[in-house]
């Protein structure tokens, strides 16, 4: 399982090194044009297409638009901030074949409380970190 992280991260890249790279990654939020002015517009990204759109023309004072240059490092794409590979688990069988030093577990949102408590206990006993092991009744 350690080889999965090595393949994803490249040769001889430790988890501590990955965490440093993750901390430096781009955290740009792309806002929909004029969503800051009108409450009826959501902030979710929509490409500005107007002929005279200042944002499309990338004028000073307007938010950045989505471009390929904002893509993050290939080694850290899809990794959890801890440097581990996230895996969604919805039953105990899903944890088979995973390694605690490589994977971090998310318990699926459509799992009930009783099964969630069971899954979290099992995961912690096996040495996994549970990313969404929260406070509600656990």
C-alpha atoms as a PDB file:
ATOM      1  CA  UNK A   1       0.000   0.000   0.000  1.00  0.00           C
ATOM      2  CA  UNK A   2       2.934   2.337   0.624  1.00  0.00           C
ATOM      3  CA  UNK A   3       3.700   2.072  -3.095  1.00  0.00           C
ATOM      4  CA  UNK A   4       0.360   3.749  -3.942  1.00  0.00           C
ATOM      5  CA  UNK A   5       1.449   6.966  -2.245  1.00  0.00           C
ATOM      6  CA  UNK A   6       4.899   6.679  -3.790  1.00  0.00           C
ATOM      7  CA  UNK A   7       3.367   6.268  -7.273  1.00  0.00           C
ATOM      8  CA  UNK A   8       1.061   9.241  -6.679  1.00  0.00           C
ATOM      9  CA  UNK A   9       3.771  11.383  -5.117  1.00  0.00           C
ATOM     10  CA  UNK A  10       6.727  10.394  -7.272  1.00  0.00           C
ATOM     11  CA  UNK A  11       9.960   8.853  -6.054  1.00  0.00           C
ATOM     12  CA  UNK A  12      11.113   9.179  -2.445  1.00  0.00           C
ATOM     13  CA  UNK A  13       8.692  11.887  -1.375  1.00  0.00           C
ATOM     14  CA  UNK A  14       7.874  11.571   2.309  1.00  0.00           C
ATOM     15  CA  UNK A  15       4.502  12.432   3.773  1.00  0.00           C
ATOM     16  CA  UNK A  16       6.022  15.382   5.666  1.00  0.00           C
ATOM     17  CA  UNK A  17       7.343  16.766   2.380  1.00  0.00           C
ATOM     18  CA  UNK A  18       3.929  16.294   0.768  1.00  0.00           C
ATOM     19  CA  UNK A  19       2.314  18.189   3.645  1.00  0.00           C
ATOM     20  CA  UNK A  20       4.662  21.129   3.036  1.00  0.00           C
ATOM     21  CA  UNK A  21       3.771  21.131  -0.673  1.00  0.00           C
ATOM     22  CA  UNK A  22       0.054  20.957   0.218  1.00  0.00           C
ATOM     23  CA  UNK A  23       0.406  23.982   2.522  1.00  0.00           C
ATOM     24  CA  UNK A  24       1.831  26.034  -0.383  1.00  0.00           C
ATOM     25  CA  UNK A  25      -0.907  25.082  -2.866  1.00  0.00           C
ATOM     26  CA  UNK A  26      -3.138  27.601  -4.603  1.00  0.00           C
ATOM     27  CA  UNK A  27      -6.239  28.476  -2.629  1.00  0.00           C
ATOM     28  CA  UNK A  28      -7.913  30.835  -5.059  1.00  0.00           C
ATOM     29  CA  UNK A  29     -11.667  31.264  -4.886  1.00  0.00           C
ATOM     30  CA  UNK A  30     -13.277  32.001  -8.214  1.00  0.00           C
ATOM     31  CA  UNK A  31     -16.420  34.119  -7.916  1.00  0.00           C
ATOM     32  CA  UNK A  32     -19.202  34.497 -10.448  1.00  0.00           C
ATOM     33  CA  UNK A  33     -19.228  37.884 -12.174  1.00  0.00           C
ATOM     34  CA  UNK A  34     -21.268  40.459 -10.206  1.00  0.00           C
ATOM     35  CA  UNK A  35     -22.208  37.901  -7.528  1.00  0.00           C
ATOM     36  CA  UNK A  36     -20.762  40.362  -5.007  1.00  0.00           C
ATOM     37  CA  UNK A  37     -23.251  43.006  -6.173  1.00  0.00           C
ATOM     38  CA  UNK A  38     -26.507  41.045  -6.524  1.00  0.00           C
ATOM     39  CA  UNK A  39     -27.813  38.788  -3.780  1.00  0.00           C
ATOM     40  CA  UNK A  40     -29.817  36.707  -6.258  1.00  0.00           C
ATOM     41  CA  UNK A  41     -26.615  35.461  -7.928  1.00  0.00           C
ATOM     42  CA  UNK A  42     -24.819  32.577  -6.287  1.00  0.00           C
ATOM     43  CA  UNK A  43     -21.046  32.763  -5.942  1.00  0.00           C
ATOM     44  CA  UNK A  44     -20.532  29.473  -7.825  1.00  0.00           C
ATOM     45  CA  UNK A  45     -18.290  29.845 -10.851  1.00  0.00           C
ATOM     46  CA  UNK A  46     -19.762  30.741 -14.230  1.00  0.00           C
ATOM     47  CA  UNK A  47     -17.543  31.835 -17.082  1.00  0.00           C
ATOM     48  CA  UNK A  48     -18.018  35.522 -17.982  1.00  0.00           C
ATOM     49  CA  UNK A  49     -19.129  35.665 -21.621  1.00  0.00           C
ATOM     50  CA  UNK A  50     -20.337  39.204 -22.155  1.00  0.00           C
ATOM     51  CA  UNK A  51     -18.818  41.272 -24.949  1.00  0.00           C
ATOM     52  CA  UNK A  52     -17.875  44.112 -22.630  1.00  0.00           C
ATOM     53  CA  UNK A  53     -17.321  42.056 -19.465  1.00  0.00           C
ATOM     54  CA  UNK A  54     -14.411  43.558 -17.542  1.00  0.00           C
ATOM     55  CA  UNK A  55     -13.832  40.252 -15.795  1.00  0.00           C
ATOM     56  CA  UNK A  56     -13.570  38.383 -19.115  1.00  0.00           C
ATOM     57  CA  UNK A  57     -11.064  40.985 -20.284  1.00  0.00           C
ATOM     58  CA  UNK A  58      -9.136  40.382 -17.017  1.00  0.00           C
ATOM     59  CA  UNK A  59      -9.105  44.043 -16.039  1.00  0.00           C
ATOM     60  CA  UNK A  60      -7.464  45.192 -12.839  1.00  0.00           C
ATOM     61  CA  UNK A  61      -9.759  45.211  -9.812  1.00  0.00           C
ATOM     62  CA  UNK A  62     -11.825  42.194 -10.897  1.00  0.00           C
ATOM     63  CA  UNK A  63     -11.487  38.675  -9.515  1.00  0.00           C
ATOM     64  CA  UNK A  64      -9.379  36.096 -11.347  1.00  0.00           C
ATOM     65  CA  UNK A  65     -10.973  33.773 -13.873  1.00  0.00           C
ATOM     66  CA  UNK A  66     -10.385  30.030 -14.061  1.00  0.00           C
ATOM     67  CA  UNK A  67      -7.226  29.248 -16.019  1.00  0.00           C
ATOM     68  CA  UNK A  68      -4.940  26.244 -16.352  1.00  0.00           C
ATOM     69  CA  UNK A  69      -2.169  28.053 -14.460  1.00  0.00           C
ATOM     70  CA  UNK A  70      -4.055  27.707 -11.179  1.00  0.00           C
ATOM     71  CA  UNK A  71      -3.833  23.900 -11.245  1.00  0.00           C
ATOM     72  CA  UNK A  72      -2.102  22.410  -8.214  1.00  0.00           C
ATOM     73  CA  UNK A  73       0.964  20.185  -8.146  1.00  0.00           C
ATOM     74  CA  UNK A  74       0.339  16.753  -9.639  1.00  0.00           C
ATOM     75  CA  UNK A  75       1.883  15.056  -6.602  1.00  0.00           C
ATOM     76  CA  UNK A  76      -0.697  16.490  -4.193  1.00  0.00           C
ATOM     77  CA  UNK A  77      -3.825  16.552  -6.340  1.00  0.00           C
ATOM     78  CA  UNK A  78      -6.600  14.607  -4.616  1.00  0.00           C
ATOM     79  CA  UNK A  79      -4.700  14.127  -1.355  1.00  0.00           C
ATOM     80  CA  UNK A  80      -5.970  15.026   2.115  1.00  0.00           C
ATOM     81  CA  UNK A  81      -4.041  17.892   3.800  1.00  0.00           C
ATOM     82  CA  UNK A  82      -2.349  15.235   5.962  1.00  0.00           C
ATOM     83  CA  UNK A  83      -0.739  13.786   2.817  1.00  0.00           C
ATOM     84  CA  UNK A  84      -2.893  10.624   2.893  1.00  0.00           C
ATOM     85  CA  UNK A  85      -5.195   9.240   0.192  1.00  0.00           C
ATOM     86  CA  UNK A  86      -8.873   9.761   1.174  1.00  0.00           C
ATOM     87  CA  UNK A  87     -11.201   6.754   0.942  1.00  0.00           C
ATOM     88  CA  UNK A  88     -14.983   6.762   1.515  1.00  0.00           C
ATOM     89  CA  UNK A  89     -16.126   3.794   3.590  1.00  0.00           C
ATOM     90  CA  UNK A  90     -19.716   2.671   4.026  1.00  0.00           C
ATOM     91  CA  UNK A  91     -19.219  -0.816   5.505  1.00  0.00           C
ATOM     92  CA  UNK A  92     -16.458  -2.791   7.254  1.00  0.00           C
ATOM     93  CA  UNK A  93     -15.644  -4.699   4.055  1.00  0.00           C
ATOM     94  CA  UNK A  94     -14.487  -1.451   2.422  1.00  0.00           C
ATOM     95  CA  UNK A  95     -11.577  -1.215   4.894  1.00  0.00           C
ATOM     96  CA  UNK A  96     -10.038  -4.481   3.684  1.00  0.00           C
ATOM     97  CA  UNK A  97      -6.912  -3.950   1.651  1.00  0.00           C
ATOM     98  CA  UNK A  98      -6.308  -0.418   2.964  1.00  0.00           C
ATOM     99  CA  UNK A  99      -3.247   0.596   4.970  1.00  0.00           C
ATOM    100  CA  UNK A 100      -3.425   3.119   7.857  1.00  0.00           C
ATOM    101  CA  UNK A 101      -0.106   4.723   6.892  1.00  0.00           C
ATOM    102  CA  UNK A 102      -1.373   5.431   3.355  1.00  0.00           C
ATOM    103  CA  UNK A 103      -5.147   6.041   3.610  1.00  0.00           C
ATOM    104  CA  UNK A 104      -7.433   8.284   5.632  1.00  0.00           C
ATOM    105  CA  UNK A 105     -11.058   7.264   6.022  1.00  0.00           C
ATOM    106  CA  UNK A 106     -14.230   9.244   5.437  1.00  0.00           C
ATOM    107  CA  UNK A 107     -17.381   7.531   6.695  1.00  0.00           C
ATOM    108  CA  UNK A 108     -20.092   7.822   4.049  1.00  0.00           C
ATOM    109  CA  UNK A 109     -22.834  10.375   4.728  1.00  0.00           C
ATOM    110  CA  UNK A 110     -25.626   7.877   4.079  1.00  0.00           C
ATOM    111  CA  UNK A 111     -24.542   5.635   6.979  1.00  0.00           C
ATOM    112  CA  UNK A 112     -26.751   5.704  10.077  1.00  0.00           C
ATOM    113  CA  UNK A 113     -25.558   6.498  13.591  1.00  0.00           C
ATOM    114  CA  UNK A 114     -25.368   2.912  14.876  1.00  0.00           C
ATOM    115  CA  UNK A 115     -23.314   1.712  11.922  1.00  0.00           C
ATOM    116  CA  UNK A 116     -21.217   4.902  12.010  1.00  0.00           C
ATOM    117  CA  UNK A 117     -20.206   4.232  15.639  1.00  0.00           C
ATOM    118  CA  UNK A 118     -19.302   0.650  14.708  1.00  0.00           C
ATOM    119  CA  UNK A 119     -17.269   1.727  11.660  1.00  0.00           C
ATOM    120  CA  UNK A 120     -15.424   4.418  13.553  1.00  0.00           C
ATOM    121  CA  UNK A 121     -14.524   2.030  16.377  1.00  0.00           C
ATOM    122  CA  UNK A 122     -13.254  -0.545  13.897  1.00  0.00           C
ATOM    123  CA  UNK A 123     -11.243   2.022  11.983  1.00  0.00           C
ATOM    124  CA  UNK A 124      -9.574   3.377  15.108  1.00  0.00           C
ATOM    125  CA  UNK A 125      -8.794  -0.170  16.309  1.00  0.00           C
ATOM    126  CA  UNK A 126      -7.139  -0.898  12.955  1.00  0.00           C
ATOM    127  CA  UNK A 127      -5.117   2.333  13.277  1.00  0.00           C
ATOM    128  CA  UNK A 128      -6.878   4.447  10.647  1.00  0.00           C
ATOM    129  CA  UNK A 129      -7.502   8.164  10.970  1.00  0.00           C
ATOM    130  CA  UNK A 130     -11.163   9.104  10.499  1.00  0.00           C
ATOM    131  CA  UNK A 131     -11.486  12.502   8.841  1.00  0.00           C
ATOM    132  CA  UNK A 132     -15.173  13.020   9.653  1.00  0.00           C
ATOM    133  CA  UNK A 133     -15.347  11.241  13.013  1.00  0.00           C
ATOM    134  CA  UNK A 134     -17.232  14.061  14.689  1.00  0.00           C
ATOM    135  CA  UNK A 135     -18.950  14.784  17.968  1.00  0.00           C
ATOM    136  CA  UNK A 136     -22.585  13.933  17.342  1.00  0.00           C
ATOM    137  CA  UNK A 137     -23.351  11.002  19.614  1.00  0.00           C
ATOM    138  CA  UNK A 138     -20.034   9.239  19.071  1.00  0.00           C
END
